[in-house]
């Protein structure tokens, strides 16, 4: 889907939150960051490696460091959206 937007500049200068939560999502994460960079999106990236080990059965993040970093990334993204 992103391929269709490359020639349109639809994402150029727009904020995008790129969140990848996976057991081994490093390659997918880097690929999406590379694509978003090429189409000139303003990327707020977050990779949560080994996500299964950091989330309990109630879908709550149990890893303090991951939760802190995620909150920071989301807050920065929201600020970017609100402030243009």
PDB file of N, CA and C in Angstrom:
ATOM      1  N   UNK A   1       0.824  -1.183   0.000  1.00  0.00           N
ATOM      2  CA  UNK A   1       0.000   0.000   0.000  1.00  0.00           C
ATOM      3  C   UNK A   1       0.877   1.259   0.000  1.00  0.00           C
ATOM      4  N   UNK A   2       1.945   1.253   0.756  1.00  0.00           N
ATOM      5  CA  UNK A   2       2.829   2.416   0.761  1.00  0.00           C
ATOM      6  C   UNK A   2       3.443   2.665  -0.611  1.00  0.00           C
ATOM      7  N   UNK A   3       3.687   1.593  -1.370  1.00  0.00           N
ATOM      8  CA  UNK A   3       4.248   1.748  -2.707  1.00  0.00           C
ATOM      9  C   UNK A   3       3.387   2.650  -3.581  1.00  0.00           C
ATOM     10  N   UNK A   4       2.092   2.604  -3.402  1.00  0.00           N
ATOM     11  CA  UNK A   4       1.179   3.403  -4.216  1.00  0.00           C
ATOM     12  C   UNK A   4       1.290   4.887  -3.911  1.00  0.00           C
ATOM     13  N   UNK A   5       1.799   5.223  -2.755  1.00  0.00           N
ATOM     14  CA  UNK A   5       1.860   6.636  -2.360  1.00  0.00           C
ATOM     15  C   UNK A   5       3.186   7.311  -2.702  1.00  0.00           C
ATOM     16  N   UNK A   6       4.169   6.537  -3.141  1.00  0.00           N
ATOM     17  CA  UNK A   6       5.501   7.094  -3.374  1.00  0.00           C
ATOM     18  C   UNK A   6       5.465   8.271  -4.347  1.00  0.00           C
ATOM     19  N   UNK A   7       4.778   8.124  -5.447  1.00  0.00           N
ATOM     20  CA  UNK A   7       4.766   9.191  -6.450  1.00  0.00           C
ATOM     21  C   UNK A   7       3.795  10.324  -6.113  1.00  0.00           C
ATOM     22  N   UNK A   8       2.935  10.136  -5.130  1.00  0.00           N
ATOM     23  CA  UNK A   8       1.930  11.154  -4.814  1.00  0.00           C
ATOM     24  C   UNK A   8       2.378  12.149  -3.747  1.00  0.00           C
ATOM     25  N   UNK A   9       3.414  11.833  -3.016  1.00  0.00           N
ATOM     26  CA  UNK A   9       3.899  12.661  -1.902  1.00  0.00           C
ATOM     27  C   UNK A   9       2.858  12.796  -0.784  1.00  0.00           C
ATOM     28  N   UNK A  10       1.972  11.829  -0.670  1.00  0.00           N
ATOM     29  CA  UNK A  10       0.923  11.864   0.349  1.00  0.00           C
ATOM     30  C   UNK A  10       1.463  11.880   1.777  1.00  0.00           C
ATOM     31  N   UNK A  11       2.611  11.244   2.002  1.00  0.00           N
ATOM     32  CA  UNK A  11       3.172  11.166   3.346  1.00  0.00           C
ATOM     33  C   UNK A  11       4.242  12.220   3.605  1.00  0.00           C
ATOM     34  N   UNK A  12       4.629  12.955   2.596  1.00  0.00           N
ATOM     35  CA  UNK A  12       5.720  13.910   2.718  1.00  0.00           C
ATOM     36  C   UNK A  12       5.449  14.933   3.823  1.00  0.00           C
ATOM     37  N   UNK A  13       6.337  14.947   4.821  1.00  0.00           N
ATOM     38  CA  UNK A  13       6.226  15.889   5.922  1.00  0.00           C
ATOM     39  C   UNK A  13       5.174  15.558   6.970  1.00  0.00           C
ATOM     40  N   UNK A  14       4.488  14.436   6.806  1.00  0.00           N
ATOM     41  CA  UNK A  14       3.436  14.073   7.769  1.00  0.00           C
ATOM     42  C   UNK A  14       3.995  13.150   8.849  1.00  0.00           C
ATOM     43  N   UNK A  15       3.527  13.324  10.087  1.00  0.00           N
ATOM     44  CA  UNK A  15       3.989  12.452  11.170  1.00  0.00           C
ATOM     45  C   UNK A  15       3.382  11.052  11.065  1.00  0.00           C
ATOM     46  N   UNK A  16       4.229  10.053  11.315  1.00  0.00           N
ATOM     47  CA  UNK A  16       3.798   8.658  11.269  1.00  0.00           C
ATOM     48  C   UNK A  16       4.402   7.940  12.464  1.00  0.00           C
ATOM     49  N   UNK A  17       3.568   7.210  13.204  1.00  0.00           N
ATOM     50  CA  UNK A  17       4.051   6.377  14.302  1.00  0.00           C
ATOM     51  C   UNK A  17       4.274   4.975  13.748  1.00  0.00           C
ATOM     52  N   UNK A  18       5.523   4.527  13.738  1.00  0.00           N
ATOM     53  CA  UNK A  18       5.866   3.197  13.242  1.00  0.00           C
ATOM     54  C   UNK A  18       6.165   2.306  14.442  1.00  0.00           C
ATOM     55  N   UNK A  19       5.239   1.417  14.755  1.00  0.00           N
ATOM     56  CA  UNK A  19       5.364   0.548  15.918  1.00  0.00           C
ATOM     57  C   UNK A  19       5.378  -0.906  15.464  1.00  0.00           C
ATOM     58  N   UNK A  20       6.455  -1.601  15.776  1.00  0.00           N
ATOM     59  CA  UNK A  20       6.566  -3.019  15.454  1.00  0.00           C
ATOM     60  C   UNK A  20       6.790  -3.771  16.754  1.00  0.00           C
ATOM     61  N   UNK A  21       5.866  -4.667  17.075  1.00  0.00           N
ATOM     62  CA  UNK A  21       5.981  -5.511  18.265  1.00  0.00           C
ATOM     63  C   UNK A  21       5.965  -6.958  17.788  1.00  0.00           C
ATOM     64  N   UNK A  22       7.091  -7.633  17.963  1.00  0.00           N
ATOM     65  CA  UNK A  22       7.244  -8.954  17.390  1.00  0.00           C
ATOM     66  C   UNK A  22       8.302  -9.730  18.151  1.00  0.00           C
ATOM     67  N   UNK A  23       8.349 -11.028  17.916  1.00  0.00           N
ATOM     68  CA  UNK A  23       9.403 -11.826  18.506  1.00  0.00           C
ATOM     69  C   UNK A  23      10.739 -11.479  17.869  1.00  0.00           C
ATOM     70  N   UNK A  24      10.754 -11.413  16.559  1.00  0.00           N
ATOM     71  CA  UNK A  24      11.972 -11.044  15.831  1.00  0.00           C
ATOM     72  C   UNK A  24      11.577 -10.145  14.667  1.00  0.00           C
ATOM     73  N   UNK A  25      11.262  -8.902  14.957  1.00  0.00           N
ATOM     74  CA  UNK A  25      10.770  -7.993  13.933  1.00  0.00           C
ATOM     75  C   UNK A  25      11.767  -6.980  13.436  1.00  0.00           C
ATOM     76  N   UNK A  26      13.054  -7.226  13.672  1.00  0.00           N
ATOM     77  CA  UNK A  26      14.067  -6.232  13.310  1.00  0.00           C
ATOM     78  C   UNK A  26      14.087  -5.917  11.824  1.00  0.00           C
ATOM     79  N   UNK A  27      13.975  -6.941  10.981  1.00  0.00           N
ATOM     80  CA  UNK A  27      14.020  -6.718   9.535  1.00  0.00           C
ATOM     81  C   UNK A  27      12.772  -5.975   9.057  1.00  0.00           C
ATOM     82  N   UNK A  28      11.619  -6.354   9.546  1.00  0.00           N
ATOM     83  CA  UNK A  28      10.386  -5.660   9.169  1.00  0.00           C
ATOM     84  C   UNK A  28      10.425  -4.218   9.648  1.00  0.00           C
ATOM     85  N   UNK A  29      10.910  -4.024  10.847  1.00  0.00           N
ATOM     86  CA  UNK A  29      11.026  -2.684  11.426  1.00  0.00           C
ATOM     87  C   UNK A  29      11.924  -1.808  10.556  1.00  0.00           C
ATOM     88  N   UNK A  30      13.103  -2.320  10.218  1.00  0.00           N
ATOM     89  CA  UNK A  30      14.029  -1.530   9.409  1.00  0.00           C
ATOM     90  C   UNK A  30      13.450  -1.257   8.030  1.00  0.00           C
ATOM     91  N   UNK A  31      12.750  -2.216   7.467  1.00  0.00           N
ATOM     92  CA  UNK A  31      12.138  -2.027   6.146  1.00  0.00           C
ATOM     93  C   UNK A  31      11.095  -0.912   6.172  1.00  0.00           C
ATOM     94  N   UNK A  32      10.238  -0.913   7.173  1.00  0.00           N
ATOM     95  CA  UNK A  32       9.193   0.114   7.235  1.00  0.00           C
ATOM     96  C   UNK A  32       9.797   1.494   7.504  1.00  0.00           C
ATOM     97  N   UNK A  33      10.837   1.555   8.324  1.00  0.00           N
ATOM     98  CA  UNK A  33      11.508   2.830   8.575  1.00  0.00           C
ATOM     99  C   UNK A  33      12.138   3.347   7.281  1.00  0.00           C
ATOM    100  N   UNK A  34      12.798   2.458   6.541  1.00  0.00           N
ATOM    101  CA  UNK A  34      13.427   2.851   5.276  1.00  0.00           C
ATOM    102  C   UNK A  34      12.385   3.385   4.284  1.00  0.00           C
ATOM    103  N   UNK A  35      11.272   2.687   4.152  1.00  0.00           N
ATOM    104  CA  UNK A  35      10.217   3.119   3.227  1.00  0.00           C
ATOM    105  C   UNK A  35       9.653   4.469   3.641  1.00  0.00           C
ATOM    106  N   UNK A  36       9.353   4.621   4.919  1.00  0.00           N
ATOM    107  CA  UNK A  36       8.790   5.885   5.396  1.00  0.00           C
ATOM    108  C   UNK A  36       9.772   7.043   5.237  1.00  0.00           C
ATOM    109  N   UNK A  37      11.050   6.754   5.393  1.00  0.00           N
ATOM    110  CA  UNK A  37      12.075   7.788   5.203  1.00  0.00           C
ATOM    111  C   UNK A  37      12.138   8.216   3.735  1.00  0.00           C
ATOM    112  N   UNK A  38      12.082   7.254   2.833  1.00  0.00           N
ATOM    113  CA  UNK A  38      12.122   7.560   1.400  1.00  0.00           C
ATOM    114  C   UNK A  38      10.936   8.427   0.992  1.00  0.00           C
ATOM    115  N   UNK A  39       9.772   8.179   1.557  1.00  0.00           N
ATOM    116  CA  UNK A  39       8.596   8.974   1.181  1.00  0.00           C
ATOM    117  C   UNK A  39       8.458  10.227   2.050  1.00  0.00           C
ATOM    118  N   UNK A  40       9.524  10.545   2.775  1.00  0.00           N
ATOM    119  CA  UNK A  40       9.673  11.788   3.529  1.00  0.00           C
ATOM    120  C   UNK A  40       8.660  11.977   4.660  1.00  0.00           C
ATOM    121  N   UNK A  41       8.234  10.863   5.255  1.00  0.00           N
ATOM    122  CA  UNK A  41       7.375  10.959   6.438  1.00  0.00           C
ATOM    123  C   UNK A  41       8.233  11.350   7.634  1.00  0.00           C
ATOM    124  N   UNK A  42       7.620  11.997   8.600  1.00  0.00           N
ATOM    125  CA  UNK A  42       8.307  12.317   9.860  1.00  0.00           C
ATOM    126  C   UNK A  42       8.020  11.164  10.814  1.00  0.00           C
ATOM    127  N   UNK A  43       8.981  10.281  10.945  1.00  0.00           N
ATOM    128  CA  UNK A  43       8.771   8.996  11.619  1.00  0.00           C
ATOM    129  C   UNK A  43       9.092   9.065  13.102  1.00  0.00           C
ATOM    130  N   UNK A  44       8.155   8.557  13.917  1.00  0.00           N
ATOM    131  CA  UNK A  44       8.384   8.293  15.337  1.00  0.00           C
ATOM    132  C   UNK A  44       8.434   6.773  15.457  1.00  0.00           C
ATOM    133  N   UNK A  45       9.643   6.190  15.524  1.00  0.00           N
ATOM    134  CA  UNK A  45       9.761   4.730  15.491  1.00  0.00           C
ATOM    135  C   UNK A  45       9.819   4.081  16.875  1.00  0.00           C
ATOM    136  N   UNK A  46       9.331   2.858  16.944  1.00  0.00           N
ATOM    137  CA  UNK A  46       9.426   2.064  18.178  1.00  0.00           C
ATOM    138  C   UNK A  46       9.440   0.591  17.801  1.00  0.00           C
ATOM    139  N   UNK A  47      10.462  -0.111  18.216  1.00  0.00           N
ATOM    140  CA  UNK A  47      10.559  -1.557  18.029  1.00  0.00           C
ATOM    141  C   UNK A  47      10.473  -2.217  19.391  1.00  0.00           C
ATOM    142  N   UNK A  48       9.551  -3.137  19.542  1.00  0.00           N
ATOM    143  CA  UNK A  48       9.439  -3.922  20.771  1.00  0.00           C
ATOM    144  C   UNK A  48       9.804  -5.358  20.404  1.00  0.00           C
ATOM    145  N   UNK A  49      11.070  -5.708  20.655  1.00  0.00           N
ATOM    146  CA  UNK A  49      11.546  -7.063  20.367  1.00  0.00           C
ATOM    147  C   UNK A  49      11.060  -8.027  21.439  1.00  0.00           C
ATOM    148  N   UNK A  50      10.869  -9.259  21.041  1.00  0.00           N
ATOM    149  CA  UNK A  50      10.422 -10.307  21.967  1.00  0.00           C
ATOM    150  C   UNK A  50       9.167  -9.884  22.733  1.00  0.00           C
ATOM    151  N   UNK A  51       8.208  -9.362  22.001  1.00  0.00           N
ATOM    152  CA  UNK A  51       6.989  -8.794  22.577  1.00  0.00           C
ATOM    153  C   UNK A  51       6.210  -9.794  23.435  1.00  0.00           C
ATOM    154  N   UNK A  52       6.178 -11.046  23.024  1.00  0.00           N
ATOM    155  CA  UNK A  52       5.423 -12.054  23.788  1.00  0.00           C
ATOM    156  C   UNK A  52       5.886 -12.148  25.238  1.00  0.00           C
ATOM    157  N   UNK A  53       7.169 -11.941  25.471  1.00  0.00           N
ATOM    158  CA  UNK A  53       7.722 -12.040  26.816  1.00  0.00           C
ATOM    159  C   UNK A  53       7.460 -10.787  27.641  1.00  0.00           C
ATOM    160  N   UNK A  54       6.943  -9.750  27.003  1.00  0.00           N
ATOM    161  CA  UNK A  54       6.749  -8.474  27.679  1.00  0.00           C
ATOM    162  C   UNK A  54       5.286  -8.097  27.863  1.00  0.00           C
ATOM    163  N   UNK A  55       4.386  -8.983  27.426  1.00  0.00           N
ATOM    164  CA  UNK A  55       2.947  -8.714  27.507  1.00  0.00           C
ATOM    165  C   UNK A  55       2.267  -9.908  28.165  1.00  0.00           C
ATOM    166  N   UNK A  56       1.420  -9.634  29.161  1.00  0.00           N
ATOM    167  CA  UNK A  56       0.739 -10.727  29.865  1.00  0.00           C
ATOM    168  C   UNK A  56      -0.539 -11.143  29.121  1.00  0.00           C
ATOM    169  N   UNK A  57      -1.218 -12.200  29.583  1.00  0.00           N
ATOM    170  CA  UNK A  57      -2.434 -12.672  28.905  1.00  0.00           C
ATOM    171  C   UNK A  57      -3.568 -11.636  28.840  1.00  0.00           C
ATOM    172  N   UNK A  58      -3.510 -10.619  29.682  1.00  0.00           N
ATOM    173  CA  UNK A  58      -4.524  -9.557  29.649  1.00  0.00           C
ATOM    174  C   UNK A  58      -4.125  -8.409  28.715  1.00  0.00           C
ATOM    175  N   UNK A  59      -3.095  -8.638  27.907  1.00  0.00           N
ATOM    176  CA  UNK A  59      -2.588  -7.657  26.930  1.00  0.00           C
ATOM    177  C   UNK A  59      -2.004  -6.413  27.590  1.00  0.00           C
ATOM    178  N   UNK A  60      -1.444  -6.583  28.780  1.00  0.00           N
ATOM    179  CA  UNK A  60      -0.794  -5.486  29.490  1.00  0.00           C
ATOM    180  C   UNK A  60       0.714  -5.639  29.365  1.00  0.00           C
ATOM    181  N   UNK A  61       1.388  -4.530  29.116  1.00  0.00           N
ATOM    182  CA  UNK A  61       2.847  -4.567  29.030  1.00  0.00           C
ATOM    183  C   UNK A  61       3.403  -4.714  30.438  1.00  0.00           C
ATOM    184  N   UNK A  62       4.184  -5.753  30.639  1.00  0.00           N
ATOM    185  CA  UNK A  62       4.710  -6.044  31.976  1.00  0.00           C
ATOM    186  C   UNK A  62       6.168  -5.615  32.143  1.00  0.00           C
ATOM    187  N   UNK A  63       6.852  -5.328  31.059  1.00  0.00           N
ATOM    188  CA  UNK A  63       8.242  -4.908  31.113  1.00  0.00           C
ATOM    189  C   UNK A  63       8.307  -3.392  31.307  1.00  0.00           C
ATOM    190  N   UNK A  64       8.830  -2.962  32.443  1.00  0.00           N
ATOM    191  CA  UNK A  64       8.842  -1.539  32.804  1.00  0.00           C
ATOM    192  C   UNK A  64       9.599  -0.688  31.776  1.00  0.00           C
ATOM    193  N   UNK A  65      10.755  -1.151  31.349  1.00  0.00           N
ATOM    194  CA  UNK A  65      11.562  -0.389  30.388  1.00  0.00           C
ATOM    195  C   UNK A  65      10.820  -0.210  29.056  1.00  0.00           C
ATOM    196  N   UNK A  66      10.176  -1.273  28.589  1.00  0.00           N
ATOM    197  CA  UNK A  66       9.405  -1.207  27.340  1.00  0.00           C
ATOM    198  C   UNK A  66       8.239  -0.251  27.474  1.00  0.00           C
ATOM    199  N   UNK A  67       7.528  -0.338  28.590  1.00  0.00           N
ATOM    200  CA  UNK A  67       6.377   0.540  28.808  1.00  0.00           C
ATOM    201  C   UNK A  67       6.799   2.005  28.879  1.00  0.00           C
ATOM    202  N   UNK A  68       7.884   2.281  29.564  1.00  0.00           N
ATOM    203  CA  UNK A  68       8.387   3.653  29.676  1.00  0.00           C
ATOM    204  C   UNK A  68       8.771   4.204  28.308  1.00  0.00           C
ATOM    205  N   UNK A  69       9.502   3.398  27.538  1.00  0.00           N
ATOM    206  CA  UNK A  69       9.932   3.832  26.205  1.00  0.00           C
ATOM    207  C   UNK A  69       8.730   4.019  25.275  1.00  0.00           C
ATOM    208  N   UNK A  70       7.766   3.121  25.341  1.00  0.00           N
ATOM    209  CA  UNK A  70       6.572   3.229  24.505  1.00  0.00           C
ATOM    210  C   UNK A  70       5.781   4.490  24.830  1.00  0.00           C
ATOM    211  N   UNK A  71       5.601   4.762  26.116  1.00  0.00           N
ATOM    212  CA  UNK A  71       4.890   5.979  26.522  1.00  0.00           C
ATOM    213  C   UNK A  71       5.608   7.220  26.001  1.00  0.00           C
ATOM    214  N   UNK A  72       6.920   7.224  26.088  1.00  0.00           N
ATOM    215  CA  UNK A  72       7.711   8.353  25.613  1.00  0.00           C
ATOM    216  C   UNK A  72       7.549   8.540  24.103  1.00  0.00           C
ATOM    217  N   UNK A  73       7.613   7.447  23.360  1.00  0.00           N
ATOM    218  CA  UNK A  73       7.463   7.516  21.902  1.00  0.00           C
ATOM    219  C   UNK A  73       6.072   8.009  21.521  1.00  0.00           C
ATOM    220  N   UNK A  74       5.047   7.484  22.162  1.00  0.00           N
ATOM    221  CA  UNK A  74       3.671   7.902  21.859  1.00  0.00           C
ATOM    222  C   UNK A  74       3.461   9.369  22.237  1.00  0.00           C
ATOM    223  N   UNK A  75       3.961   9.780  23.384  1.00  0.00           N
ATOM    224  CA  UNK A  75       3.819  11.180  23.803  1.00  0.00           C
ATOM    225  C   UNK A  75       4.520  12.121  22.824  1.00  0.00           C
ATOM    226  N   UNK A  76       5.702  11.739  22.360  1.00  0.00           N
ATOM    227  CA  UNK A  76       6.429  12.559  21.389  1.00  0.00           C
ATOM    228  C   UNK A  76       5.669  12.627  20.070  1.00  0.00           C
ATOM    229  N   UNK A  77       5.084  11.511  19.665  1.00  0.00           N
ATOM    230  CA  UNK A  77       4.301  11.486  18.430  1.00  0.00           C
ATOM    231  C   UNK A  77       3.075  12.387  18.546  1.00  0.00           C
ATOM    232  N   UNK A  78       2.357  12.279  19.642  1.00  0.00           N
ATOM    233  CA  UNK A  78       1.166  13.126  19.859  1.00  0.00           C
ATOM    234  C   UNK A  78       1.559  14.594  19.838  1.00  0.00           C
ATOM    235  N   UNK A  79       2.657  14.940  20.485  1.00  0.00           N
ATOM    236  CA  UNK A  79       3.127  16.333  20.489  1.00  0.00           C
ATOM    237  C   UNK A  79       3.440  16.798  19.069  1.00  0.00           C
ATOM    238  N   UNK A  80       4.049  15.921  18.263  1.00  0.00           N
ATOM    239  CA  UNK A  80       4.354  16.247  16.880  1.00  0.00           C
ATOM    240  C   UNK A  80       3.076  16.517  16.086  1.00  0.00           C
ATOM    241  N   UNK A  81       2.071  15.680  16.284  1.00  0.00           N
ATOM    242  CA  UNK A  81       0.793  15.851  15.588  1.00  0.00           C
ATOM    243  C   UNK A  81       0.115  17.154  16.025  1.00  0.00           C
ATOM    244  N   UNK A  82       0.098  17.393  17.316  1.00  0.00           N
ATOM    245  CA  UNK A  82      -0.580  18.593  17.838  1.00  0.00           C
ATOM    246  C   UNK A  82       0.122  19.888  17.447  1.00  0.00           C
ATOM    247  N   UNK A  83       1.446  19.853  17.355  1.00  0.00           N
ATOM    248  CA  UNK A  83       2.216  21.064  17.073  1.00  0.00           C
ATOM    249  C   UNK A  83       2.571  21.244  15.601  1.00  0.00           C
ATOM    250  N   UNK A  84       2.140  20.287  14.802  1.00  0.00           N
ATOM    251  CA  UNK A  84       2.406  20.388  13.362  1.00  0.00           C
ATOM    252  C   UNK A  84       3.787  20.132  13.077  1.00  0.00           C
TER     253      UNK A  84
END
